[in-house]
C-alpha cells in the first residue's frame, strides 16, 4: 500500500513538472509572436496619396549614428518631417488611417499611402526602416508630436515598403 502511494505521488510530481514545462513553452511562443507578428497587408483599398500610382518610395542611404558622411549634421525638424509615412489601419474603425493621415499631414508630415492591415499588433506603432537615413529619428519625432503612437520599432518583413509605416489600432484617437 505504501508503495502504491509513493508511485502515485511520483506520477503527480512528474505531471506537475510537465504542466509547468508546457506553460513555459506556451509563454515563449506568445512572446515570440508578439515581438515578430505574422500578418499580411490587405491588398484591397490601397491608396497612394502622393501620386496615385501605388509606387513605393525608394530607400535612402543607411543611418549613421554620427550624422552624415561629411560631418556631425543633426537632422532638422524639416528633415525629419520630409521622411514619408505609410499609414495602416489595423482595426475595425472605419477610415481610421485616412483620418490619421490628414492629422499627420496637418502636422507637417508627408503621407504617401494609406491602407488596411490584418495583423495581431496590439497598440499603435511607428515602424521604421533601419536602412533609411533619419527614419528612426523621424519615427521618434512623429511619436513625440502624436503621443497616441505608443511605440517606435524597426520594421518587420510583412509590412509594406516605406521609411516609416504607422500601424494604427482601435485605441488610437485622431482628435
C-alpha atoms as a PDB file:
ATOM      1  CA  UNK A   1       0.000   0.000   0.000  1.00  0.00           C
ATOM      2  CA  UNK A   2       2.783   2.430   0.866  1.00  0.00           C
ATOM      3  CA  UNK A   3       4.493   1.603  -2.402  1.00  0.00           C
ATOM      4  CA  UNK A   4       1.333   2.467  -4.393  1.00  0.00           C
ATOM      5  CA  UNK A   5       1.017   5.800  -2.589  1.00  0.00           C
ATOM      6  CA  UNK A   6       4.682   6.579  -3.310  1.00  0.00           C
ATOM      7  CA  UNK A   7       4.249   5.752  -7.013  1.00  0.00           C
ATOM      8  CA  UNK A   8       1.106   7.924  -7.196  1.00  0.00           C
ATOM      9  CA  UNK A   9       2.970  10.871  -5.628  1.00  0.00           C
ATOM     10  CA  UNK A  10       5.813  10.350  -8.118  1.00  0.00           C
ATOM     11  CA  UNK A  11       3.376  10.364 -11.065  1.00  0.00           C
ATOM     12  CA  UNK A  12       1.684  13.509  -9.728  1.00  0.00           C
ATOM     13  CA  UNK A  13       5.072  15.216  -9.361  1.00  0.00           C
ATOM     14  CA  UNK A  14       6.029  14.293 -12.948  1.00  0.00           C
ATOM     15  CA  UNK A  15       2.642  15.508 -14.233  1.00  0.00           C
ATOM     16  CA  UNK A  16       3.131  18.816 -12.387  1.00  0.00           C
ATOM     17  CA  UNK A  17       6.586  19.255 -13.903  1.00  0.00           C
ATOM     18  CA  UNK A  18       5.200  18.545 -17.383  1.00  0.00           C
ATOM     19  CA  UNK A  19       2.423  21.122 -16.906  1.00  0.00           C
ATOM     20  CA  UNK A  20       4.968  23.754 -15.829  1.00  0.00           C
ATOM     21  CA  UNK A  21       7.181  22.952 -18.856  1.00  0.00           C
ATOM     22  CA  UNK A  22       4.200  23.175 -21.203  1.00  0.00           C
ATOM     23  CA  UNK A  23       3.262  26.538 -19.696  1.00  0.00           C
ATOM     24  CA  UNK A  24       6.795  27.838 -20.267  1.00  0.00           C
ATOM     25  CA  UNK A  25       6.734  26.702 -23.907  1.00  0.00           C
ATOM     26  CA  UNK A  26       3.400  28.496 -24.455  1.00  0.00           C
ATOM     27  CA  UNK A  27       4.817  31.642 -22.810  1.00  0.00           C
ATOM     28  CA  UNK A  28       7.910  31.619 -25.055  1.00  0.00           C
ATOM     29  CA  UNK A  29       5.774  31.164 -28.171  1.00  0.00           C
ATOM     30  CA  UNK A  30       3.493  34.039 -27.101  1.00  0.00           C
ATOM     31  CA  UNK A  31       6.463  36.356 -26.525  1.00  0.00           C
ATOM     32  CA  UNK A  32       7.943  35.488 -29.933  1.00  0.00           C
ATOM     33  CA  UNK A  33       4.570  36.028 -31.628  1.00  0.00           C
ATOM     34  CA  UNK A  34       4.207  39.468 -30.050  1.00  0.00           C
ATOM     35  CA  UNK A  35       7.749  40.517 -30.988  1.00  0.00           C
ATOM     36  CA  UNK A  36       7.561  39.237 -34.580  1.00  0.00           C
ATOM     37  CA  UNK A  37       3.907  39.420 -35.649  1.00  0.00           C
ATOM     38  CA  UNK A  38       2.994  37.261 -38.620  1.00  0.00           C
ATOM     39  CA  UNK A  39       0.301  39.019 -40.565  1.00  0.00           C
ATOM     40  CA  UNK A  40      -0.282  40.273 -44.015  1.00  0.00           C
ATOM     41  CA  UNK A  41      -1.172  43.538 -45.603  1.00  0.00           C
ATOM     42  CA  UNK A  42      -4.559  43.537 -47.218  1.00  0.00           C
ATOM     43  CA  UNK A  43      -4.240  44.489 -50.866  1.00  0.00           C
ATOM     44  CA  UNK A  44      -7.754  45.933 -51.063  1.00  0.00           C
ATOM     45  CA  UNK A  45      -8.252  49.618 -50.604  1.00  0.00           C
ATOM     46  CA  UNK A  46      -4.631  50.662 -51.046  1.00  0.00           C
ATOM     47  CA  UNK A  47      -4.179  54.324 -51.746  1.00  0.00           C
ATOM     48  CA  UNK A  48      -1.022  56.089 -52.810  1.00  0.00           C
ATOM     49  CA  UNK A  49      -1.554  59.611 -51.567  1.00  0.00           C
ATOM     50  CA  UNK A  50       1.491  61.108 -53.261  1.00  0.00           C
ATOM     51  CA  UNK A  51       0.777  60.303 -56.876  1.00  0.00           C
ATOM     52  CA  UNK A  52      -1.997  57.702 -57.043  1.00  0.00           C
ATOM     53  CA  UNK A  53       0.260  55.209 -58.803  1.00  0.00           C
ATOM     54  CA  UNK A  54       0.780  52.757 -55.942  1.00  0.00           C
ATOM     55  CA  UNK A  55       4.543  53.066 -56.431  1.00  0.00           C
ATOM     56  CA  UNK A  56       6.688  52.706 -53.347  1.00  0.00           C
ATOM     57  CA  UNK A  57       9.206  55.271 -52.220  1.00  0.00           C
ATOM     58  CA  UNK A  58      12.855  54.314 -52.672  1.00  0.00           C
ATOM     59  CA  UNK A  59      15.012  53.840 -49.584  1.00  0.00           C
ATOM     60  CA  UNK A  60      17.522  56.436 -48.614  1.00  0.00           C
ATOM     61  CA  UNK A  61      21.094  55.778 -47.539  1.00  0.00           C
ATOM     62  CA  UNK A  62      21.620  53.990 -44.201  1.00  0.00           C
ATOM     63  CA  UNK A  63      21.541  55.824 -40.870  1.00  0.00           C
ATOM     64  CA  UNK A  64      24.795  56.752 -39.258  1.00  0.00           C
ATOM     65  CA  UNK A  65      24.969  57.425 -35.561  1.00  0.00           C
ATOM     66  CA  UNK A  66      27.465  60.234 -36.144  1.00  0.00           C
ATOM     67  CA  UNK A  67      25.293  62.060 -38.709  1.00  0.00           C
ATOM     68  CA  UNK A  68      26.143  62.466 -42.381  1.00  0.00           C
ATOM     69  CA  UNK A  69      29.286  61.161 -44.020  1.00  0.00           C
ATOM     70  CA  UNK A  70      30.738  64.686 -44.212  1.00  0.00           C
ATOM     71  CA  UNK A  71      30.275  65.702 -40.577  1.00  0.00           C
ATOM     72  CA  UNK A  72      28.107  65.631 -37.491  1.00  0.00           C
ATOM     73  CA  UNK A  73      24.973  67.148 -39.065  1.00  0.00           C
ATOM     74  CA  UNK A  74      21.873  66.601 -36.942  1.00  0.00           C
ATOM     75  CA  UNK A  75      18.630  66.378 -38.876  1.00  0.00           C
ATOM     76  CA  UNK A  76      16.354  69.393 -38.551  1.00  0.00           C
ATOM     77  CA  UNK A  77      12.621  69.018 -37.818  1.00  0.00           C
ATOM     78  CA  UNK A  78      12.011  69.772 -41.516  1.00  0.00           C
ATOM     79  CA  UNK A  79      14.423  66.957 -42.489  1.00  0.00           C
ATOM     80  CA  UNK A  80      12.560  64.547 -40.220  1.00  0.00           C
ATOM     81  CA  UNK A  81       9.102  65.566 -41.437  1.00  0.00           C
ATOM     82  CA  UNK A  82      10.212  65.029 -45.042  1.00  0.00           C
ATOM     83  CA  UNK A  83      10.553  61.281 -44.369  1.00  0.00           C
ATOM     84  CA  UNK A  84       7.397  59.816 -45.960  1.00  0.00           C
ATOM     85  CA  UNK A  85       4.812  57.863 -43.974  1.00  0.00           C
ATOM     86  CA  UNK A  86       2.650  54.875 -44.856  1.00  0.00           C
ATOM     87  CA  UNK A  87      -0.412  54.735 -42.577  1.00  0.00           C
ATOM     88  CA  UNK A  88      -2.193  51.413 -41.997  1.00  0.00           C
ATOM     89  CA  UNK A  89      -5.495  50.758 -40.231  1.00  0.00           C
ATOM     90  CA  UNK A  90      -5.190  47.567 -38.158  1.00  0.00           C
ATOM     91  CA  UNK A  91      -8.638  47.916 -36.569  1.00  0.00           C
ATOM     92  CA  UNK A  92     -12.337  47.762 -37.304  1.00  0.00           C
ATOM     93  CA  UNK A  93     -12.606  51.566 -37.043  1.00  0.00           C
ATOM     94  CA  UNK A  94     -13.761  52.787 -40.462  1.00  0.00           C
ATOM     95  CA  UNK A  95     -11.419  55.316 -42.149  1.00  0.00           C
ATOM     96  CA  UNK A  96      -9.021  55.442 -39.179  1.00  0.00           C
ATOM     97  CA  UNK A  97      -5.955  55.510 -41.478  1.00  0.00           C
ATOM     98  CA  UNK A  98      -7.415  58.301 -43.633  1.00  0.00           C
ATOM     99  CA  UNK A  99      -8.304  60.395 -40.575  1.00  0.00           C
ATOM    100  CA  UNK A 100      -4.870  59.895 -39.036  1.00  0.00           C
ATOM    101  CA  UNK A 101      -3.173  60.649 -42.372  1.00  0.00           C
ATOM    102  CA  UNK A 102      -4.965  64.007 -42.507  1.00  0.00           C
ATOM    103  CA  UNK A 103      -3.888  64.667 -38.920  1.00  0.00           C
ATOM    104  CA  UNK A 104      -0.244  63.818 -39.741  1.00  0.00           C
ATOM    105  CA  UNK A 105      -0.327  65.984 -42.881  1.00  0.00           C
ATOM    106  CA  UNK A 106      -1.819  68.873 -40.887  1.00  0.00           C
ATOM    107  CA  UNK A 107       1.163  68.430 -38.561  1.00  0.00           C
ATOM    108  CA  UNK A 108       3.578  68.857 -41.479  1.00  0.00           C
ATOM    109  CA  UNK A 109       4.269  65.212 -42.366  1.00  0.00           C
ATOM    110  CA  UNK A 110       4.126  63.657 -45.845  1.00  0.00           C
ATOM    111  CA  UNK A 111       1.806  60.637 -46.169  1.00  0.00           C
ATOM    112  CA  UNK A 112       2.384  58.628 -49.345  1.00  0.00           C
ATOM    113  CA  UNK A 113      -0.041  55.759 -48.808  1.00  0.00           C
ATOM    114  CA  UNK A 114      -2.933  54.617 -46.637  1.00  0.00           C
ATOM    115  CA  UNK A 115      -4.219  51.054 -46.427  1.00  0.00           C
ATOM    116  CA  UNK A 116      -5.690  48.394 -44.167  1.00  0.00           C
ATOM    117  CA  UNK A 117      -3.692  45.751 -42.312  1.00  0.00           C
ATOM    118  CA  UNK A 118      -4.737  42.461 -40.770  1.00  0.00           C
ATOM    119  CA  UNK A 119      -2.228  41.597 -38.068  1.00  0.00           C
ATOM    120  CA  UNK A 120      -2.054  40.925 -34.361  1.00  0.00           C
ATOM    121  CA  UNK A 121      -0.360  44.210 -33.480  1.00  0.00           C
ATOM    122  CA  UNK A 122      -1.831  45.292 -30.159  1.00  0.00           C
ATOM    123  CA  UNK A 123      -1.052  49.016 -29.938  1.00  0.00           C
ATOM    124  CA  UNK A 124      -0.283  51.909 -32.307  1.00  0.00           C
ATOM    125  CA  UNK A 125       3.314  51.778 -33.502  1.00  0.00           C
ATOM    126  CA  UNK A 126       5.605  53.649 -35.906  1.00  0.00           C
ATOM    127  CA  UNK A 127       7.773  51.031 -37.616  1.00  0.00           C
ATOM    128  CA  UNK A 128      10.893  52.446 -39.258  1.00  0.00           C
ATOM    129  CA  UNK A 129      13.229  51.043 -41.905  1.00  0.00           C
ATOM    130  CA  UNK A 130      16.681  50.879 -40.254  1.00  0.00           C
ATOM    131  CA  UNK A 131      18.359  51.200 -43.659  1.00  0.00           C
ATOM    132  CA  UNK A 132      16.725  54.573 -44.375  1.00  0.00           C
ATOM    133  CA  UNK A 133      18.572  57.700 -43.283  1.00  0.00           C
ATOM    134  CA  UNK A 134      16.775  59.601 -40.497  1.00  0.00           C
ATOM    135  CA  UNK A 135      13.884  57.094 -40.384  1.00  0.00           C
ATOM    136  CA  UNK A 136      14.396  56.180 -36.718  1.00  0.00           C
ATOM    137  CA  UNK A 137      14.765  59.821 -35.642  1.00  0.00           C
ATOM    138  CA  UNK A 138      11.718  60.772 -37.733  1.00  0.00           C
ATOM    139  CA  UNK A 139       9.621  57.981 -36.196  1.00  0.00           C
ATOM    140  CA  UNK A 140      10.585  59.198 -32.712  1.00  0.00           C
ATOM    141  CA  UNK A 141       9.698  62.795 -33.688  1.00  0.00           C
ATOM    142  CA  UNK A 142       6.324  61.596 -35.020  1.00  0.00           C
ATOM    143  CA  UNK A 143       5.677  59.788 -31.738  1.00  0.00           C
ATOM    144  CA  UNK A 144       6.538  62.931 -29.753  1.00  0.00           C
ATOM    145  CA  UNK A 145       4.169  65.009 -31.885  1.00  0.00           C
ATOM    146  CA  UNK A 146       1.392  62.389 -31.778  1.00  0.00           C
ATOM    147  CA  UNK A 147       1.530  60.656 -28.383  1.00  0.00           C
ATOM    148  CA  UNK A 148      -1.235  58.253 -29.450  1.00  0.00           C
ATOM    149  CA  UNK A 149       1.566  56.319 -31.158  1.00  0.00           C
ATOM    150  CA  UNK A 150       2.648  54.110 -28.266  1.00  0.00           C
ATOM    151  CA  UNK A 151       5.824  52.587 -29.688  1.00  0.00           C
ATOM    152  CA  UNK A 152       8.629  53.001 -32.221  1.00  0.00           C
ATOM    153  CA  UNK A 153      10.153  49.752 -33.526  1.00  0.00           C
ATOM    154  CA  UNK A 154      12.183  48.505 -36.525  1.00  0.00           C
ATOM    155  CA  UNK A 155      10.012  47.214 -39.385  1.00  0.00           C
ATOM    156  CA  UNK A 156       9.316  43.526 -39.868  1.00  0.00           C
ATOM    157  CA  UNK A 157       9.085  41.753 -43.224  1.00  0.00           C
ATOM    158  CA  UNK A 158       5.285  41.615 -43.574  1.00  0.00           C
ATOM    159  CA  UNK A 159       4.914  45.418 -43.634  1.00  0.00           C
ATOM    160  CA  UNK A 160       4.858  47.321 -46.940  1.00  0.00           C
ATOM    161  CA  UNK A 161       7.952  49.174 -48.048  1.00  0.00           C
ATOM    162  CA  UNK A 162       8.456  52.706 -46.860  1.00  0.00           C
ATOM    163  CA  UNK A 163      10.770  54.515 -44.475  1.00  0.00           C
ATOM    164  CA  UNK A 164       8.080  54.719 -41.758  1.00  0.00           C
ATOM    165  CA  UNK A 165       4.961  52.560 -41.545  1.00  0.00           C
ATOM    166  CA  UNK A 166       2.476  53.722 -38.916  1.00  0.00           C
ATOM    167  CA  UNK A 167       0.175  50.922 -37.792  1.00  0.00           C
ATOM    168  CA  UNK A 168      -2.950  52.131 -36.008  1.00  0.00           C
ATOM    169  CA  UNK A 169      -5.081  50.018 -33.705  1.00  0.00           C
ATOM    170  CA  UNK A 170      -8.574  50.634 -32.360  1.00  0.00           C
ATOM    171  CA  UNK A 171      -7.311  52.565 -29.351  1.00  0.00           C
ATOM    172  CA  UNK A 172      -5.667  55.280 -31.488  1.00  0.00           C
ATOM    173  CA  UNK A 173      -7.651  58.520 -31.368  1.00  0.00           C
ATOM    174  CA  UNK A 174      -7.432  61.197 -34.052  1.00  0.00           C
ATOM    175  CA  UNK A 175      -8.927  64.037 -32.006  1.00  0.00           C
END
